[in-house]
Amino acid sequence: MITTRSKVRIARFISAVIRSVFAVFGASDTVTVRRLGVQWHLDLKEGIDLAIYLSCYERNTLKRYRDLVSPGATILDIGANIGVHALHLAYLVGTQGRVYAVEPTSFAYDKLLDNLGLNPDITERVITCQSMLLASDEATLPEEAVSSWPLTDDAVLTTALAGSPRSVWRPSMD
């Protein structure tokens, strides 16, 4: 099985090639595309975004949902990131169903809201929450969580997940 670190190295190469071709034509590193019926704003310098662009992000999981999710279902997507699963699931639960998408980092949560806004036909089905679930009441909220897999050569990958930690939303104490 290929490690996450190796996948990131391969993705960096693919990203650089695609972005180089785009640059020749004066195109941006960010694109808006439709994949599997969902509209996306994607940054081709980010790993998850590139995988969506190439239609290879968790393809088998997304296909399997069709067999598992019924119209009217209620789904929890904990660690929703930019909405890959939540947005697909929102189509499957239908108009009577709901998807609760929970994401702690502002980086990914803002992208989730942006992508949800591109799909107005499912907006009411997805309830978003910027929060982090902890193991207990005594657990300390971390400052950061991994929610980005940057593909640029200058990116610093500081975790075992080969990702880049981003700031966790902190509730105000007013």
C-alpha atoms as a PDB file:
ATOM      1  CA  MET A   1       0.000   0.000   0.000  1.00  0.00           C
ATOM      2  CA  ILE A   2       1.269   3.457  -0.859  1.00  0.00           C
ATOM      3  CA  THR A   3       1.916   5.799   2.070  1.00  0.00           C
ATOM      4  CA  THR A   4       0.323   9.214   2.435  1.00  0.00           C
ATOM      5  CA  ARG A   5       3.776  10.798   2.143  1.00  0.00           C
ATOM      6  CA  SER A   6       4.339   9.036  -1.195  1.00  0.00           C
ATOM      7  CA  LYS A   7       0.891  10.073  -2.421  1.00  0.00           C
ATOM      8  CA  VAL A   8       1.708  13.686  -1.560  1.00  0.00           C
ATOM      9  CA  ARG A   9       5.022  13.474  -3.493  1.00  0.00           C
ATOM     10  CA  ILE A  10       3.224  12.087  -6.546  1.00  0.00           C
ATOM     11  CA  ALA A  11       0.473  14.687  -6.220  1.00  0.00           C
ATOM     12  CA  ARG A  12       3.090  17.474  -6.005  1.00  0.00           C
ATOM     13  CA  PHE A  13       4.523  16.338  -9.327  1.00  0.00           C
ATOM     14  CA  ILE A  14       1.104  16.088 -11.007  1.00  0.00           C
ATOM     15  CA  SER A  15       0.065  19.459  -9.583  1.00  0.00           C
ATOM     16  CA  ALA A  16       3.243  21.103 -10.887  1.00  0.00           C
ATOM     17  CA  VAL A  17       2.692  19.673 -14.373  1.00  0.00           C
ATOM     18  CA  ILE A  18      -0.957  20.753 -14.535  1.00  0.00           C
ATOM     19  CA  ARG A  19      -0.203  24.227 -13.143  1.00  0.00           C
ATOM     20  CA  SER A  20       2.658  24.630 -15.642  1.00  0.00           C
ATOM     21  CA  VAL A  21       0.344  23.798 -18.531  1.00  0.00           C
ATOM     22  CA  PHE A  22      -2.276  26.187 -17.156  1.00  0.00           C
ATOM     23  CA  ALA A  23       0.368  28.925 -16.842  1.00  0.00           C
ATOM     24  CA  VAL A  24       1.302  28.541 -20.518  1.00  0.00           C
ATOM     25  CA  PHE A  25      -2.288  29.453 -21.366  1.00  0.00           C
ATOM     26  CA  GLY A  26      -2.510  32.190 -18.736  1.00  0.00           C
ATOM     27  CA  ALA A  27      -4.946  30.183 -16.598  1.00  0.00           C
ATOM     28  CA  SER A  28      -5.130  30.357 -12.805  1.00  0.00           C
ATOM     29  CA  ASP A  29      -4.224  27.672 -10.259  1.00  0.00           C
ATOM     30  CA  THR A  30      -7.821  27.880  -9.049  1.00  0.00           C
ATOM     31  CA  VAL A  31     -10.664  26.410 -11.071  1.00  0.00           C
ATOM     32  CA  THR A  32     -14.405  25.881 -10.831  1.00  0.00           C
ATOM     33  CA  VAL A  33     -15.496  22.453 -12.039  1.00  0.00           C
ATOM     34  CA  ARG A  34     -18.345  19.949 -11.760  1.00  0.00           C
ATOM     35  CA  ARG A  35     -17.449  16.473 -10.552  1.00  0.00           C
ATOM     36  CA  LEU A  36     -19.989  13.704  -9.922  1.00  0.00           C
ATOM     37  CA  GLY A  37     -22.792  16.253 -10.063  1.00  0.00           C
ATOM     38  CA  VAL A  38     -21.214  18.623  -7.518  1.00  0.00           C
ATOM     39  CA  GLN A  39     -19.816  22.067  -8.342  1.00  0.00           C
ATOM     40  CA  TRP A  40     -16.403  22.889  -6.768  1.00  0.00           C
ATOM     41  CA  HIS A  41     -13.992  25.793  -6.353  1.00  0.00           C
ATOM     42  CA  LEU A  42     -10.598  24.081  -6.332  1.00  0.00           C
ATOM     43  CA  ASP A  43      -7.059  25.215  -5.659  1.00  0.00           C
ATOM     44  CA  LEU A  44      -4.741  22.943  -7.622  1.00  0.00           C
ATOM     45  CA  LYS A  45      -1.973  23.639  -5.102  1.00  0.00           C
ATOM     46  CA  GLU A  46      -3.950  21.643  -2.492  1.00  0.00           C
ATOM     47  CA  GLY A  47      -3.973  17.830  -2.365  1.00  0.00           C
ATOM     48  CA  ILE A  48      -7.671  17.177  -1.790  1.00  0.00           C
ATOM     49  CA  ASP A  49      -8.626  19.790  -4.379  1.00  0.00           C
ATOM     50  CA  LEU A  50      -6.303  18.235  -6.969  1.00  0.00           C
ATOM     51  CA  ALA A  51      -7.723  14.768  -6.283  1.00  0.00           C
ATOM     52  CA  ILE A  52     -11.261  16.102  -6.799  1.00  0.00           C
ATOM     53  CA  TYR A  53     -10.141  17.822 -10.012  1.00  0.00           C
ATOM     54  CA  LEU A  54      -8.695  14.516 -11.270  1.00  0.00           C
ATOM     55  CA  SER A  55     -11.849  12.636 -10.115  1.00  0.00           C
ATOM     56  CA  CYS A  56      -9.788  10.252  -7.993  1.00  0.00           C
ATOM     57  CA  TYR A  57     -10.590  11.354  -4.428  1.00  0.00           C
ATOM     58  CA  GLU A  58     -12.096   8.369  -2.571  1.00  0.00           C
ATOM     59  CA  ARG A  59     -13.994   7.278  -5.677  1.00  0.00           C
ATOM     60  CA  ASN A  60     -14.970   3.879  -4.279  1.00  0.00           C
ATOM     61  CA  THR A  61     -16.296   5.375  -1.049  1.00  0.00           C
ATOM     62  CA  LEU A  62     -18.381   7.952  -2.913  1.00  0.00           C
ATOM     63  CA  LYS A  63     -19.817   5.233  -5.174  1.00  0.00           C
ATOM     64  CA  ARG A  64     -20.597   2.971  -2.210  1.00  0.00           C
ATOM     65  CA  TYR A  65     -22.709   5.700  -0.599  1.00  0.00           C
ATOM     66  CA  ARG A  66     -25.326   5.115  -3.313  1.00  0.00           C
ATOM     67  CA  ASP A  67     -25.958   1.644  -1.857  1.00  0.00           C
ATOM     68  CA  LEU A  68     -25.891   2.751   1.779  1.00  0.00           C
ATOM     69  CA  VAL A  69     -27.724   6.089   1.936  1.00  0.00           C
ATOM     70  CA  SER A  70     -31.478   6.349   1.582  1.00  0.00           C
ATOM     71  CA  PRO A  71     -33.552   9.454   0.854  1.00  0.00           C
ATOM     72  CA  GLY A  72     -34.592  11.057   4.135  1.00  0.00           C
ATOM     73  CA  ALA A  73     -31.494   9.851   6.019  1.00  0.00           C
ATOM     74  CA  THR A  74     -29.611  11.950   8.549  1.00  0.00           C
ATOM     75  CA  ILE A  75     -25.819  11.803   8.142  1.00  0.00           C
ATOM     76  CA  LEU A  76     -22.979  13.123  10.308  1.00  0.00           C
ATOM     77  CA  ASP A  77     -19.768  14.108   8.516  1.00  0.00           C
ATOM     78  CA  ILE A  78     -17.275  14.689  11.312  1.00  0.00           C
ATOM     79  CA  GLY A  79     -14.137  16.302   9.919  1.00  0.00           C
ATOM     80  CA  ALA A  80     -15.938  17.492   6.802  1.00  0.00           C
ATOM     81  CA  ASN A  81     -12.940  19.397   5.471  1.00  0.00           C
ATOM     82  CA  ILE A  82     -14.013  21.110   2.206  1.00  0.00           C
ATOM     83  CA  GLY A  83     -17.176  19.034   1.867  1.00  0.00           C
ATOM     84  CA  VAL A  84     -16.205  16.113  -0.378  1.00  0.00           C
ATOM     85  CA  HIS A  85     -18.439  13.640   1.407  1.00  0.00           C
ATOM     86  CA  ALA A  86     -21.035  16.059   2.801  1.00  0.00           C
ATOM     87  CA  LEU A  87     -21.962  17.526  -0.575  1.00  0.00           C
ATOM     88  CA  HIS A  88     -22.291  14.137  -2.278  1.00  0.00           C
ATOM     89  CA  LEU A  89     -24.306  12.807   0.641  1.00  0.00           C
ATOM     90  CA  ALA A  90     -26.621  15.823   0.487  1.00  0.00           C
ATOM     91  CA  TYR A  91     -27.763  14.756  -2.966  1.00  0.00           C
ATOM     92  CA  LEU A  92     -28.365  11.201  -1.774  1.00  0.00           C
ATOM     93  CA  VAL A  93     -30.425  12.106   1.322  1.00  0.00           C
ATOM     94  CA  GLY A  94     -32.861  14.046  -0.850  1.00  0.00           C
ATOM     95  CA  THR A  95     -35.019  16.986   0.117  1.00  0.00           C
ATOM     96  CA  GLN A  96     -36.177  15.388   3.387  1.00  0.00           C
ATOM     97  CA  GLY A  97     -32.721  14.304   4.554  1.00  0.00           C
ATOM     98  CA  ARG A  98     -29.968  16.241   6.322  1.00  0.00           C
ATOM     99  CA  VAL A  99     -26.187  16.157   6.456  1.00  0.00           C
ATOM    100  CA  TYR A 100     -24.448  17.668   9.482  1.00  0.00           C
ATOM    101  CA  ALA A 101     -20.962  18.749   8.398  1.00  0.00           C
ATOM    102  CA  VAL A 102     -18.569  19.451  11.289  1.00  0.00           C
ATOM    103  CA  GLU A 103     -15.148  20.990  10.576  1.00  0.00           C
ATOM    104  CA  PRO A 104     -12.837  22.658  13.122  1.00  0.00           C
ATOM    105  CA  THR A 105     -10.370  24.625  10.981  1.00  0.00           C
ATOM    106  CA  SER A 106     -11.251  27.961   9.418  1.00  0.00           C
ATOM    107  CA  PHE A 107      -9.190  27.053   6.344  1.00  0.00           C
ATOM    108  CA  ALA A 108     -11.335  24.032   5.442  1.00  0.00           C
ATOM    109  CA  TYR A 109     -14.616  25.370   6.876  1.00  0.00           C
ATOM    110  CA  ASP A 110     -14.466  28.475   4.677  1.00  0.00           C
ATOM    111  CA  LYS A 111     -13.859  26.273   1.629  1.00  0.00           C
ATOM    112  CA  LEU A 112     -16.760  24.039   2.693  1.00  0.00           C
ATOM    113  CA  LEU A 113     -19.093  27.055   2.810  1.00  0.00           C
ATOM    114  CA  ASP A 114     -17.782  28.278  -0.547  1.00  0.00           C
ATOM    115  CA  ASN A 115     -18.387  24.893  -2.196  1.00  0.00           C
ATOM    116  CA  LEU A 116     -21.803  24.566  -0.584  1.00  0.00           C
ATOM    117  CA  GLY A 117     -22.695  27.995  -1.979  1.00  0.00           C
ATOM    118  CA  LEU A 118     -21.943  26.716  -5.492  1.00  0.00           C
ATOM    119  CA  ASN A 119     -24.651  24.083  -5.051  1.00  0.00           C
ATOM    120  CA  PRO A 120     -27.806  25.996  -4.052  1.00  0.00           C
ATOM    121  CA  ASP A 121     -30.053  22.983  -4.670  1.00  0.00           C
ATOM    122  CA  ILE A 122     -28.567  21.232  -1.605  1.00  0.00           C
ATOM    123  CA  THR A 123     -27.809  24.209   0.661  1.00  0.00           C
ATOM    124  CA  GLU A 124     -30.794  23.589   2.933  1.00  0.00           C
ATOM    125  CA  ARG A 125     -29.867  19.918   3.349  1.00  0.00           C
ATOM    126  CA  VAL A 126     -26.407  20.608   4.801  1.00  0.00           C
ATOM    127  CA  ILE A 127     -26.107  22.008   8.306  1.00  0.00           C
ATOM    128  CA  THR A 128     -22.555  23.207   8.912  1.00  0.00           C
ATOM    129  CA  CYS A 129     -20.854  23.590  12.249  1.00  0.00           C
ATOM    130  CA  GLN A 130     -17.364  24.911  12.859  1.00  0.00           C
ATOM    131  CA  SER A 131     -16.427  22.953  15.930  1.00  0.00           C
ATOM    132  CA  MET A 132     -14.163  20.189  17.179  1.00  0.00           C
ATOM    133  CA  LEU A 133     -15.316  17.111  18.998  1.00  0.00           C
ATOM    134  CA  LEU A 134     -13.081  16.069  21.888  1.00  0.00           C
ATOM    135  CA  ALA A 135     -12.780  12.789  23.769  1.00  0.00           C
ATOM    136  CA  SER A 136     -13.922  14.237  27.085  1.00  0.00           C
ATOM    137  CA  ASP A 137     -14.897  17.412  28.920  1.00  0.00           C
ATOM    138  CA  GLU A 138     -11.380  17.554  30.353  1.00  0.00           C
ATOM    139  CA  ALA A 139      -9.647  17.356  26.956  1.00  0.00           C
ATOM    140  CA  THR A 140      -7.848  20.481  25.800  1.00  0.00           C
ATOM    141  CA  LEU A 141      -8.792  22.027  22.475  1.00  0.00           C
ATOM    142  CA  PRO A 142      -5.672  21.925  20.276  1.00  0.00           C
ATOM    143  CA  GLU A 143      -4.430  25.085  18.581  1.00  0.00           C
ATOM    144  CA  GLU A 144      -4.224  23.381  15.176  1.00  0.00           C
ATOM    145  CA  ALA A 145      -5.475  20.385  13.207  1.00  0.00           C
ATOM    146  CA  VAL A 146      -4.389  19.028   9.840  1.00  0.00           C
ATOM    147  CA  SER A 147      -6.791  20.132   7.123  1.00  0.00           C
ATOM    148  CA  SER A 148      -4.445  21.020   4.267  1.00  0.00           C
ATOM    149  CA  TRP A 149      -2.127  19.006   2.051  1.00  0.00           C
ATOM    150  CA  PRO A 150      -0.195  21.703   0.179  1.00  0.00           C
ATOM    151  CA  LEU A 151       1.491  20.587  -3.035  1.00  0.00           C
ATOM    152  CA  THR A 152       3.967  23.388  -3.588  1.00  0.00           C
ATOM    153  CA  ASP A 153       7.695  22.716  -3.227  1.00  0.00           C
ATOM    154  CA  ASP A 154       8.003  25.279  -0.444  1.00  0.00           C
ATOM    155  CA  ALA A 155       5.233  23.692   1.673  1.00  0.00           C
ATOM    156  CA  VAL A 156       6.209  22.532   5.136  1.00  0.00           C
ATOM    157  CA  LEU A 157       4.592  19.235   6.046  1.00  0.00           C
ATOM    158  CA  THR A 158       4.904  18.939   9.782  1.00  0.00           C
ATOM    159  CA  THR A 159       2.853  15.892  10.678  1.00  0.00           C
ATOM    160  CA  ALA A 160       2.855  12.140  10.240  1.00  0.00           C
ATOM    161  CA  LEU A 161      -0.145  12.650   7.933  1.00  0.00           C
ATOM    162  CA  ALA A 162       2.112  14.601   5.543  1.00  0.00           C
ATOM    163  CA  GLY A 163      -0.265  17.516   5.933  1.00  0.00           C
ATOM    164  CA  SER A 164      -0.132  21.067   7.123  1.00  0.00           C
ATOM    165  CA  PRO A 165      -1.863  22.000  10.376  1.00  0.00           C
ATOM    166  CA  ARG A 166      -4.284  24.926  10.301  1.00  0.00           C
ATOM    167  CA  SER A 167      -5.740  26.971  13.146  1.00  0.00           C
ATOM    168  CA  VAL A 168      -8.703  25.485  14.973  1.00  0.00           C
ATOM    169  CA  TRP A 169     -11.707  27.720  15.517  1.00  0.00           C
ATOM    170  CA  ARG A 170     -11.988  28.851  19.120  1.00  0.00           C
ATOM    171  CA  PRO A 171     -15.341  29.792  20.638  1.00  0.00           C
ATOM    172  CA  SER A 172     -15.523  33.280  22.081  1.00  0.00           C
ATOM    173  CA  MET A 173     -15.881  33.470  25.833  1.00  0.00           C
ATOM    174  CA  ASP A 174     -18.131  36.556  25.835  1.00  0.00           C
END
